[in-house]
Amino acid sequence: MMRSAILALAIAAASLPASAQSMPERLNDYPTEVRADYVFGCMATNGQSRKVLSQCSCSIDVIASILPYRKYAEAEAVLSLQQAGGEQMAMFKSAVVPRTMVAELRRAQAEAEILCF
């Protein structure tokens, strides 16, 4: 029941039109905690140096310039649900809307990788 509600929420959110935000608004719509969490995770993966700190900070900034926070959060939620596994979670791996959400995030991450690393 809860999983169906989460899927319905994700699908409904994905169908909403993107808000008309200016570039500065889009760059600043990511909460500081989310940006910091991304940088910590990135540094855990890539190393604990000043250079990596700069690269990881650049990376989340690039992602934020491409993907509004709402879409980033939705894609992260889908990725978390996909990792849960099980038969009921299979819909998050095969349904078009969740796959599209994750694909948009992956494209933004790839752009960030090219520009920052």
C-alpha atoms as a PDB file:
ATOM      1  CA  MET A   1       0.000   0.000   0.000  1.00  0.00           C
ATOM      2  CA  MET A   2       2.748   2.463   1.001  1.00  0.00           C
ATOM      3  CA  ARG A   3       4.824   1.518  -2.025  1.00  0.00           C
ATOM      4  CA  SER A   4       1.885   2.192  -4.330  1.00  0.00           C
ATOM      5  CA  ALA A   5       1.442   5.595  -2.738  1.00  0.00           C
ATOM      6  CA  ILE A   6       5.134   6.394  -3.216  1.00  0.00           C
ATOM      7  CA  LEU A   7       4.977   5.361  -6.865  1.00  0.00           C
ATOM      8  CA  ALA A   8       1.832   7.416  -7.414  1.00  0.00           C
ATOM      9  CA  LEU A   9       3.497  10.417  -5.793  1.00  0.00           C
ATOM     10  CA  ALA A  10       6.613  10.030  -7.948  1.00  0.00           C
ATOM     11  CA  ILE A  11       4.543   9.724 -11.124  1.00  0.00           C
ATOM     12  CA  ALA A  12       2.385  12.713 -10.199  1.00  0.00           C
ATOM     13  CA  ALA A  13       5.423  14.839  -9.379  1.00  0.00           C
ATOM     14  CA  ALA A  14       7.074  13.892 -12.656  1.00  0.00           C
ATOM     15  CA  SER A  15       4.040  14.998 -14.611  1.00  0.00           C
ATOM     16  CA  LEU A  16       3.987  18.486 -13.069  1.00  0.00           C
ATOM     17  CA  PRO A  17       5.336  21.222 -15.307  1.00  0.00           C
ATOM     18  CA  ALA A  18       8.752  22.525 -14.358  1.00  0.00           C
ATOM     19  CA  SER A  19       8.512  25.813 -12.525  1.00  0.00           C
ATOM     20  CA  ALA A  20       9.800  28.870 -14.298  1.00  0.00           C
ATOM     21  CA  GLN A  21      12.961  29.492 -12.296  1.00  0.00           C
ATOM     22  CA  SER A  22      15.793  31.776 -13.234  1.00  0.00           C
ATOM     23  CA  MET A  23      19.306  30.329 -13.313  1.00  0.00           C
ATOM     24  CA  PRO A  24      20.251  31.840  -9.911  1.00  0.00           C
ATOM     25  CA  GLU A  25      17.090  30.371  -8.374  1.00  0.00           C
ATOM     26  CA  ARG A  26      17.853  26.960  -9.870  1.00  0.00           C
ATOM     27  CA  LEU A  27      21.427  27.084  -8.607  1.00  0.00           C
ATOM     28  CA  ASN A  28      20.211  27.914  -5.128  1.00  0.00           C
ATOM     29  CA  ASP A  29      17.219  25.596  -4.799  1.00  0.00           C
ATOM     30  CA  TYR A  30      19.335  22.726  -3.424  1.00  0.00           C
ATOM     31  CA  PRO A  31      19.370  22.759   0.390  1.00  0.00           C
ATOM     32  CA  THR A  32      22.849  23.223   1.872  1.00  0.00           C
ATOM     33  CA  GLU A  33      22.550  19.867   3.666  1.00  0.00           C
ATOM     34  CA  VAL A  34      21.929  18.091   0.356  1.00  0.00           C
ATOM     35  CA  ARG A  35      24.910  19.787  -1.278  1.00  0.00           C
ATOM     36  CA  ALA A  36      27.129  18.924   1.706  1.00  0.00           C
ATOM     37  CA  ASP A  37      25.920  15.310   1.717  1.00  0.00           C
ATOM     38  CA  TYR A  38      26.733  15.009  -1.982  1.00  0.00           C
ATOM     39  CA  VAL A  39      30.227  16.464  -1.459  1.00  0.00           C
ATOM     40  CA  PHE A  40      30.901  14.125   1.499  1.00  0.00           C
ATOM     41  CA  GLY A  41      29.847  11.106  -0.545  1.00  0.00           C
ATOM     42  CA  CYS A  42      31.830  12.249  -3.560  1.00  0.00           C
ATOM     43  CA  MET A  43      34.945  12.767  -1.438  1.00  0.00           C
ATOM     44  CA  ALA A  44      34.516   9.374   0.202  1.00  0.00           C
ATOM     45  CA  THR A  45      34.593   7.875  -3.284  1.00  0.00           C
ATOM     46  CA  ASN A  46      37.288  10.042  -4.865  1.00  0.00           C
ATOM     47  CA  GLY A  47      39.635  10.966  -2.036  1.00  0.00           C
ATOM     48  CA  GLN A  48      40.032  13.391   0.820  1.00  0.00           C
ATOM     49  CA  SER A  49      42.119  16.142  -0.759  1.00  0.00           C
ATOM     50  CA  ARG A  50      41.538  19.830  -1.345  1.00  0.00           C
ATOM     51  CA  LYS A  51      41.499  19.176  -5.103  1.00  0.00           C
ATOM     52  CA  VAL A  52      38.771  16.548  -4.722  1.00  0.00           C
ATOM     53  CA  LEU A  53      36.783  18.924  -2.485  1.00  0.00           C
ATOM     54  CA  SER A  54      36.842  21.481  -5.305  1.00  0.00           C
ATOM     55  CA  GLN A  55      35.927  18.875  -7.919  1.00  0.00           C
ATOM     56  CA  CYS A  56      33.040  17.502  -5.852  1.00  0.00           C
ATOM     57  CA  SER A  57      31.734  21.003  -5.098  1.00  0.00           C
ATOM     58  CA  CYS A  58      31.919  21.774  -8.805  1.00  0.00           C
ATOM     59  CA  SER A  59      30.073  18.558  -9.563  1.00  0.00           C
ATOM     60  CA  ILE A  60      27.029  19.314  -7.393  1.00  0.00           C
ATOM     61  CA  ASP A  61      26.959  22.866  -8.748  1.00  0.00           C
ATOM     62  CA  VAL A  62      26.859  21.551 -12.321  1.00  0.00           C
ATOM     63  CA  ILE A  63      24.136  19.037 -11.427  1.00  0.00           C
ATOM     64  CA  ALA A  64      22.136  21.831  -9.758  1.00  0.00           C
ATOM     65  CA  SER A  65      22.469  23.986 -12.879  1.00  0.00           C
ATOM     66  CA  ILE A  66      21.036  21.181 -15.023  1.00  0.00           C
ATOM     67  CA  LEU A  67      18.459  19.544 -12.778  1.00  0.00           C
ATOM     68  CA  PRO A  68      16.046  21.383 -10.461  1.00  0.00           C
ATOM     69  CA  TYR A  69      16.201  20.111  -6.886  1.00  0.00           C
ATOM     70  CA  ARG A  70      12.729  18.554  -7.117  1.00  0.00           C
ATOM     71  CA  LYS A  71      13.861  16.307  -9.976  1.00  0.00           C
ATOM     72  CA  TYR A  72      17.133  15.498  -8.211  1.00  0.00           C
ATOM     73  CA  ALA A  73      15.261  14.468  -5.046  1.00  0.00           C
ATOM     74  CA  GLU A  74      12.791  12.346  -7.017  1.00  0.00           C
ATOM     75  CA  ALA A  75      15.588  10.527  -8.866  1.00  0.00           C
ATOM     76  CA  GLU A  76      17.471   9.919  -5.610  1.00  0.00           C
ATOM     77  CA  ALA A  77      14.272   8.496  -4.077  1.00  0.00           C
ATOM     78  CA  VAL A  78      13.798   6.165  -7.050  1.00  0.00           C
ATOM     79  CA  LEU A  79      17.420   5.005  -6.784  1.00  0.00           C
ATOM     80  CA  SER A  80      16.916   4.246  -3.081  1.00  0.00           C
ATOM     81  CA  LEU A  81      13.765   2.279  -3.818  1.00  0.00           C
ATOM     82  CA  GLN A  82      15.509   0.357  -6.597  1.00  0.00           C
ATOM     83  CA  GLN A  83      18.216  -0.719  -4.164  1.00  0.00           C
ATOM     84  CA  ALA A  84      15.593  -2.113  -1.779  1.00  0.00           C
ATOM     85  CA  GLY A  85      15.014  -5.024  -4.166  1.00  0.00           C
ATOM     86  CA  GLY A  86      12.128  -7.424  -4.054  1.00  0.00           C
ATOM     87  CA  GLU A  87       9.341  -8.134  -6.482  1.00  0.00           C
ATOM     88  CA  GLN A  88       7.329  -5.025  -5.652  1.00  0.00           C
ATOM     89  CA  MET A  89      10.349  -2.775  -6.134  1.00  0.00           C
ATOM     90  CA  ALA A  90      10.896  -4.196  -9.620  1.00  0.00           C
ATOM     91  CA  MET A  91       8.389  -1.642 -10.930  1.00  0.00           C
ATOM     92  CA  PHE A  92      10.875   1.111 -10.104  1.00  0.00           C
ATOM     93  CA  LYS A  93      13.420  -0.553 -12.354  1.00  0.00           C
ATOM     94  CA  SER A  94      11.128  -1.238 -15.283  1.00  0.00           C
ATOM     95  CA  ALA A  95       8.549   1.587 -15.326  1.00  0.00           C
ATOM     96  CA  VAL A  96       9.227   4.373 -17.810  1.00  0.00           C
ATOM     97  CA  VAL A  97       8.774   7.346 -15.451  1.00  0.00           C
ATOM     98  CA  PRO A  98      11.249   6.168 -12.795  1.00  0.00           C
ATOM     99  CA  ARG A  99      13.747   5.152 -15.495  1.00  0.00           C
ATOM    100  CA  THR A 100      13.438   8.596 -17.056  1.00  0.00           C
ATOM    101  CA  MET A 101      14.000  10.278 -13.684  1.00  0.00           C
ATOM    102  CA  VAL A 102      17.167   8.283 -13.092  1.00  0.00           C
ATOM    103  CA  ALA A 103      18.358   8.824 -16.667  1.00  0.00           C
ATOM    104  CA  GLU A 104      18.073  12.610 -16.253  1.00  0.00           C
ATOM    105  CA  LEU A 105      20.130  12.429 -13.059  1.00  0.00           C
ATOM    106  CA  ARG A 106      22.746  10.220 -14.724  1.00  0.00           C
ATOM    107  CA  ARG A 107      23.042  12.664 -17.640  1.00  0.00           C
ATOM    108  CA  ALA A 108      23.577  15.563 -15.220  1.00  0.00           C
ATOM    109  CA  GLN A 109      26.167  13.522 -13.308  1.00  0.00           C
ATOM    110  CA  ALA A 110      27.972  12.666 -16.544  1.00  0.00           C
ATOM    111  CA  GLU A 111      28.099  16.344 -17.532  1.00  0.00           C
ATOM    112  CA  ALA A 112      29.451  17.196 -14.078  1.00  0.00           C
ATOM    113  CA  GLU A 113      32.088  14.476 -14.420  1.00  0.00           C
ATOM    114  CA  ILE A 114      33.263  15.903 -17.734  1.00  0.00           C
ATOM    115  CA  LEU A 115      33.391  19.496 -16.506  1.00  0.00           C
ATOM    116  CA  CYS A 116      34.788  18.970 -13.005  1.00  0.00           C
ATOM    117  CA  PHE A 117      37.074  15.930 -12.984  1.00  0.00           C
END
